[in-house]
């Protein structure tokens, strides 16, 4: 709760779940099992082993209900629902030329040995629906995208770039 408090998540929005990580005696890996909702007692500890056997059967297709189960770790997992991220759409193309994004043209040698004039475009100045034929290079502050000859890059509604062959 303290970690969620430090993230300024109100207590009424915090969710805590307690899980047990268990394994069959001698196994080298654990599976998560549900802890009883009430305080753990001798009379309800079977809820943990029952949950473990069910998890083992679900994940591996079999279980050993008579085998001894080791409880390795008890974890508390804190979570909270957060506001869904809203990604704004970028402006749709206005029919103008992609030259609005043209930075410069430089010769570039490709893997097939061809050397071609290759324009560089500022990716942030492309609109949704703009299509950039290859060869081209799309430049932005954190990445550079090559559009090879014979391909076309299309800017999508949320600013993603789809590259495909000219024939598609």
C-alpha atoms as a PDB file:
ATOM      1  CA  UNK A   1       0.000   0.000   0.000  1.00  0.00           C
ATOM      2  CA  UNK A   2       2.881   2.345   0.748  1.00  0.00           C
ATOM      3  CA  UNK A   3       4.147   2.073  -2.832  1.00  0.00           C
ATOM      4  CA  UNK A   4       0.693   2.823  -4.227  1.00  0.00           C
ATOM      5  CA  UNK A   5       0.371   5.688  -1.741  1.00  0.00           C
ATOM      6  CA  UNK A   6       3.701   7.085  -2.985  1.00  0.00           C
ATOM      7  CA  UNK A   7       2.239   7.098  -6.511  1.00  0.00           C
ATOM      8  CA  UNK A   8      -0.667   9.210  -5.186  1.00  0.00           C
ATOM      9  CA  UNK A   9      -3.209   6.464  -5.822  1.00  0.00           C
ATOM     10  CA  UNK A  10      -6.145   6.949  -3.441  1.00  0.00           C
ATOM     11  CA  UNK A  11      -6.740   4.046  -1.063  1.00  0.00           C
ATOM     12  CA  UNK A  12     -10.229   3.393  -2.422  1.00  0.00           C
ATOM     13  CA  UNK A  13      -8.670   2.733  -5.884  1.00  0.00           C
ATOM     14  CA  UNK A  14      -5.973   0.389  -4.605  1.00  0.00           C
ATOM     15  CA  UNK A  15      -6.394  -3.339  -5.062  1.00  0.00           C
ATOM     16  CA  UNK A  16      -4.275  -5.844  -3.166  1.00  0.00           C
ATOM     17  CA  UNK A  17      -4.208  -9.541  -3.912  1.00  0.00           C
ATOM     18  CA  UNK A  18      -2.309 -12.172  -1.992  1.00  0.00           C
ATOM     19  CA  UNK A  19      -0.988 -15.190  -3.851  1.00  0.00           C
ATOM     20  CA  UNK A  20       1.038 -18.220  -2.874  1.00  0.00           C
ATOM     21  CA  UNK A  21       3.824 -19.532  -5.063  1.00  0.00           C
ATOM     22  CA  UNK A  22       3.859 -23.294  -4.666  1.00  0.00           C
ATOM     23  CA  UNK A  23       5.440 -26.379  -6.153  1.00  0.00           C
ATOM     24  CA  UNK A  24       5.390 -30.103  -5.727  1.00  0.00           C
ATOM     25  CA  UNK A  25       8.094 -31.165  -3.299  1.00  0.00           C
ATOM     26  CA  UNK A  26      11.420 -31.214  -5.127  1.00  0.00           C
ATOM     27  CA  UNK A  27      10.277 -29.326  -8.228  1.00  0.00           C
ATOM     28  CA  UNK A  28      12.427 -26.466  -9.447  1.00  0.00           C
ATOM     29  CA  UNK A  29       9.633 -24.077 -10.430  1.00  0.00           C
ATOM     30  CA  UNK A  30       6.585 -22.589  -8.796  1.00  0.00           C
ATOM     31  CA  UNK A  31       3.024 -21.880  -9.873  1.00  0.00           C
ATOM     32  CA  UNK A  32       0.718 -19.286  -8.399  1.00  0.00           C
ATOM     33  CA  UNK A  33      -2.094 -20.443  -6.190  1.00  0.00           C
ATOM     34  CA  UNK A  34      -4.863 -18.474  -4.560  1.00  0.00           C
ATOM     35  CA  UNK A  35      -4.712 -17.755  -0.852  1.00  0.00           C
ATOM     36  CA  UNK A  36      -7.869 -18.135   1.248  1.00  0.00           C
ATOM     37  CA  UNK A  37      -9.914 -14.949   1.531  1.00  0.00           C
ATOM     38  CA  UNK A  38      -9.954 -15.349   5.305  1.00  0.00           C
ATOM     39  CA  UNK A  39      -6.978 -15.673   7.640  1.00  0.00           C
ATOM     40  CA  UNK A  40      -4.930 -18.788   6.876  1.00  0.00           C
ATOM     41  CA  UNK A  41      -5.712 -21.617   9.266  1.00  0.00           C
ATOM     42  CA  UNK A  42      -5.212 -25.386   9.451  1.00  0.00           C
ATOM     43  CA  UNK A  43      -8.822 -25.847   8.347  1.00  0.00           C
ATOM     44  CA  UNK A  44      -8.585 -23.709   5.178  1.00  0.00           C
ATOM     45  CA  UNK A  45      -4.999 -24.369   4.029  1.00  0.00           C
ATOM     46  CA  UNK A  46      -6.379 -26.965   1.598  1.00  0.00           C
ATOM     47  CA  UNK A  47      -7.687 -24.021  -0.469  1.00  0.00           C
ATOM     48  CA  UNK A  48      -4.083 -23.213  -1.392  1.00  0.00           C
ATOM     49  CA  UNK A  49      -3.177 -26.779  -2.363  1.00  0.00           C
ATOM     50  CA  UNK A  50      -6.467 -27.247  -4.233  1.00  0.00           C
ATOM     51  CA  UNK A  51      -5.743 -24.062  -6.190  1.00  0.00           C
ATOM     52  CA  UNK A  52      -2.182 -25.218  -6.888  1.00  0.00           C
ATOM     53  CA  UNK A  53      -3.332 -28.626  -8.183  1.00  0.00           C
ATOM     54  CA  UNK A  54      -5.881 -26.893 -10.427  1.00  0.00           C
ATOM     55  CA  UNK A  55      -3.209 -24.518 -11.769  1.00  0.00           C
ATOM     56  CA  UNK A  56      -0.842 -27.412 -12.433  1.00  0.00           C
ATOM     57  CA  UNK A  57      -3.530 -29.334 -14.290  1.00  0.00           C
ATOM     58  CA  UNK A  58      -4.483 -26.223 -16.298  1.00  0.00           C
ATOM     59  CA  UNK A  59      -0.861 -25.438 -17.272  1.00  0.00           C
ATOM     60  CA  UNK A  60       0.547 -28.944 -17.693  1.00  0.00           C
ATOM     61  CA  UNK A  61      -2.463 -31.190 -18.245  1.00  0.00           C
ATOM     62  CA  UNK A  62      -2.028 -33.237 -15.087  1.00  0.00           C
ATOM     63  CA  UNK A  63      -1.852 -32.908 -11.310  1.00  0.00           C
ATOM     64  CA  UNK A  64      -0.834 -35.076  -8.353  1.00  0.00           C
ATOM     65  CA  UNK A  65      -3.512 -34.358  -5.717  1.00  0.00           C
ATOM     66  CA  UNK A  66      -1.918 -36.753  -3.232  1.00  0.00           C
ATOM     67  CA  UNK A  67       1.603 -35.283  -3.564  1.00  0.00           C
ATOM     68  CA  UNK A  68       3.046 -32.924  -0.989  1.00  0.00           C
ATOM     69  CA  UNK A  69       2.913 -29.244  -1.942  1.00  0.00           C
ATOM     70  CA  UNK A  70       5.512 -26.729  -0.782  1.00  0.00           C
ATOM     71  CA  UNK A  71       4.564 -23.105  -0.282  1.00  0.00           C
ATOM     72  CA  UNK A  72       7.678 -21.179  -1.362  1.00  0.00           C
ATOM     73  CA  UNK A  73       6.631 -17.532  -1.379  1.00  0.00           C
ATOM     74  CA  UNK A  74       3.646 -15.462  -0.348  1.00  0.00           C
ATOM     75  CA  UNK A  75       3.281 -12.302  -2.438  1.00  0.00           C
ATOM     76  CA  UNK A  76       1.090  -9.281  -2.177  1.00  0.00           C
ATOM     77  CA  UNK A  77       0.399  -7.688  -5.528  1.00  0.00           C
ATOM     78  CA  UNK A  78      -0.797  -4.103  -5.475  1.00  0.00           C
ATOM     79  CA  UNK A  79      -2.564  -2.618  -8.463  1.00  0.00           C
ATOM     80  CA  UNK A  80      -4.905   0.163  -9.447  1.00  0.00           C
ATOM     81  CA  UNK A  81      -6.934   0.963 -12.508  1.00  0.00           C
ATOM     82  CA  UNK A  82      -5.525   3.959 -14.304  1.00  0.00           C
ATOM     83  CA  UNK A  83      -6.957   6.254 -16.887  1.00  0.00           C
ATOM     84  CA  UNK A  84      -6.693   4.747 -20.340  1.00  0.00           C
ATOM     85  CA  UNK A  85      -4.045   6.444 -22.436  1.00  0.00           C
ATOM     86  CA  UNK A  86      -5.600   8.569 -25.138  1.00  0.00           C
ATOM     87  CA  UNK A  87      -3.421   8.786 -28.208  1.00  0.00           C
ATOM     88  CA  UNK A  88      -4.510  11.649 -30.418  1.00  0.00           C
ATOM     89  CA  UNK A  89      -4.942  11.123 -34.110  1.00  0.00           C
ATOM     90  CA  UNK A  90      -2.737  13.210 -36.328  1.00  0.00           C
ATOM     91  CA  UNK A  91      -4.168  15.583 -38.907  1.00  0.00           C
ATOM     92  CA  UNK A  92      -5.417  13.930 -42.088  1.00  0.00           C
ATOM     93  CA  UNK A  93      -3.666  14.750 -45.323  1.00  0.00           C
ATOM     94  CA  UNK A  94      -4.892  17.970 -46.843  1.00  0.00           C
ATOM     95  CA  UNK A  95      -4.038  16.966 -50.393  1.00  0.00           C
ATOM     96  CA  UNK A  96      -0.846  19.004 -50.431  1.00  0.00           C
ATOM     97  CA  UNK A  97       2.460  17.536 -51.564  1.00  0.00           C
ATOM     98  CA  UNK A  98       4.659  15.565 -49.184  1.00  0.00           C
ATOM     99  CA  UNK A  99       7.299  18.126 -50.150  1.00  0.00           C
ATOM    100  CA  UNK A 100       6.158  20.024 -47.030  1.00  0.00           C
ATOM    101  CA  UNK A 101       8.176  17.426 -45.098  1.00  0.00           C
ATOM    102  CA  UNK A 102      11.177  17.319 -47.477  1.00  0.00           C
ATOM    103  CA  UNK A 103      14.442  18.123 -45.713  1.00  0.00           C
ATOM    104  CA  UNK A 104      17.060  17.391 -48.402  1.00  0.00           C
ATOM    105  CA  UNK A 105      18.088  14.817 -51.012  1.00  0.00           C
ATOM    106  CA  UNK A 106      21.321  12.851 -50.855  1.00  0.00           C
ATOM    107  CA  UNK A 107      22.627   9.954 -52.909  1.00  0.00           C
ATOM    108  CA  UNK A 108      22.399   6.650 -51.064  1.00  0.00           C
ATOM    109  CA  UNK A 109      23.852   3.266 -51.995  1.00  0.00           C
ATOM    110  CA  UNK A 110      21.550   0.299 -51.364  1.00  0.00           C
ATOM    111  CA  UNK A 111      22.329  -3.359 -50.669  1.00  0.00           C
ATOM    112  CA  UNK A 112      21.779  -4.279 -54.310  1.00  0.00           C
ATOM    113  CA  UNK A 113      24.601  -1.897 -55.309  1.00  0.00           C
ATOM    114  CA  UNK A 114      22.396   0.807 -56.808  1.00  0.00           C
ATOM    115  CA  UNK A 115      23.170   4.410 -55.882  1.00  0.00           C
ATOM    116  CA  UNK A 116      20.036   6.567 -56.013  1.00  0.00           C
ATOM    117  CA  UNK A 117      18.978  10.085 -55.100  1.00  0.00           C
ATOM    118  CA  UNK A 118      17.167   9.530 -51.802  1.00  0.00           C
ATOM    119  CA  UNK A 119      15.052  12.254 -50.205  1.00  0.00           C
ATOM    120  CA  UNK A 120      14.980  12.682 -46.432  1.00  0.00           C
ATOM    121  CA  UNK A 121      11.616  13.633 -44.930  1.00  0.00           C
ATOM    122  CA  UNK A 122      10.770  15.050 -41.509  1.00  0.00           C
ATOM    123  CA  UNK A 123       8.360  12.366 -40.295  1.00  0.00           C
ATOM    124  CA  UNK A 124       6.636  14.801 -37.923  1.00  0.00           C
ATOM    125  CA  UNK A 125       5.469  16.864 -40.917  1.00  0.00           C
ATOM    126  CA  UNK A 126       3.672  13.984 -42.610  1.00  0.00           C
ATOM    127  CA  UNK A 127      -0.108  13.758 -42.278  1.00  0.00           C
ATOM    128  CA  UNK A 128      -2.332  10.687 -41.947  1.00  0.00           C
ATOM    129  CA  UNK A 129      -2.775   9.238 -45.407  1.00  0.00           C
ATOM    130  CA  UNK A 130       0.437  10.686 -46.840  1.00  0.00           C
ATOM    131  CA  UNK A 131       2.348   8.172 -48.950  1.00  0.00           C
ATOM    132  CA  UNK A 132       6.108   8.413 -49.415  1.00  0.00           C
ATOM    133  CA  UNK A 133       7.504   6.302 -52.262  1.00  0.00           C
ATOM    134  CA  UNK A 134      10.904   4.718 -51.877  1.00  0.00           C
ATOM    135  CA  UNK A 135      13.687   5.243 -51.936  1.00  0.00           C
ATOM    136  CA  UNK A 136      13.299   7.628 -49.024  1.00  0.00           C
ATOM    137  CA  UNK A 137      14.364   8.061 -45.443  1.00  0.00           C
ATOM    138  CA  UNK A 138      11.958   9.250 -42.738  1.00  0.00           C
ATOM    139  CA  UNK A 139      13.750  11.132 -39.988  1.00  0.00           C
ATOM    140  CA  UNK A 140      12.567  11.948 -36.489  1.00  0.00           C
ATOM    141  CA  UNK A 141      14.302  12.711 -33.202  1.00  0.00           C
ATOM    142  CA  UNK A 142      14.413   9.109 -31.978  1.00  0.00           C
ATOM    143  CA  UNK A 143      14.535   6.988 -35.105  1.00  0.00           C
ATOM    144  CA  UNK A 144      15.309   6.800 -38.794  1.00  0.00           C
ATOM    145  CA  UNK A 145      13.172   4.705 -41.129  1.00  0.00           C
ATOM    146  CA  UNK A 146      14.378   3.483 -44.509  1.00  0.00           C
ATOM    147  CA  UNK A 147      11.829   3.120 -47.298  1.00  0.00           C
ATOM    148  CA  UNK A 148      13.662   0.955 -49.859  1.00  0.00           C
ATOM    149  CA  UNK A 149      13.224   1.324 -53.610  1.00  0.00           C
ATOM    150  CA  UNK A 150      10.050  -0.447 -54.726  1.00  0.00           C
ATOM    151  CA  UNK A 151       8.265   0.226 -51.423  1.00  0.00           C
ATOM    152  CA  UNK A 152       5.938   2.927 -50.170  1.00  0.00           C
ATOM    153  CA  UNK A 153       5.494   4.251 -46.617  1.00  0.00           C
ATOM    154  CA  UNK A 154       2.044   5.373 -45.518  1.00  0.00           C
ATOM    155  CA  UNK A 155       1.426   7.469 -42.434  1.00  0.00           C
ATOM    156  CA  UNK A 156      -1.518   6.061 -40.460  1.00  0.00           C
ATOM    157  CA  UNK A 157      -4.096   7.831 -38.274  1.00  0.00           C
ATOM    158  CA  UNK A 158      -2.063   7.671 -35.061  1.00  0.00           C
ATOM    159  CA  UNK A 159       1.282   8.513 -36.662  1.00  0.00           C
ATOM    160  CA  UNK A 160       2.442   4.938 -37.235  1.00  0.00           C
ATOM    161  CA  UNK A 161       4.163   4.142 -40.520  1.00  0.00           C
ATOM    162  CA  UNK A 162       3.179   1.149 -42.668  1.00  0.00           C
ATOM    163  CA  UNK A 163       5.702   0.122 -45.313  1.00  0.00           C
ATOM    164  CA  UNK A 164       4.737  -2.206 -48.121  1.00  0.00           C
ATOM    165  CA  UNK A 165       5.759  -3.058 -51.642  1.00  0.00           C
ATOM    166  CA  UNK A 166       4.364  -0.794 -54.334  1.00  0.00           C
ATOM    167  CA  UNK A 167       2.291  -3.685 -55.713  1.00  0.00           C
ATOM    168  CA  UNK A 168       0.252  -4.221 -52.510  1.00  0.00           C
END
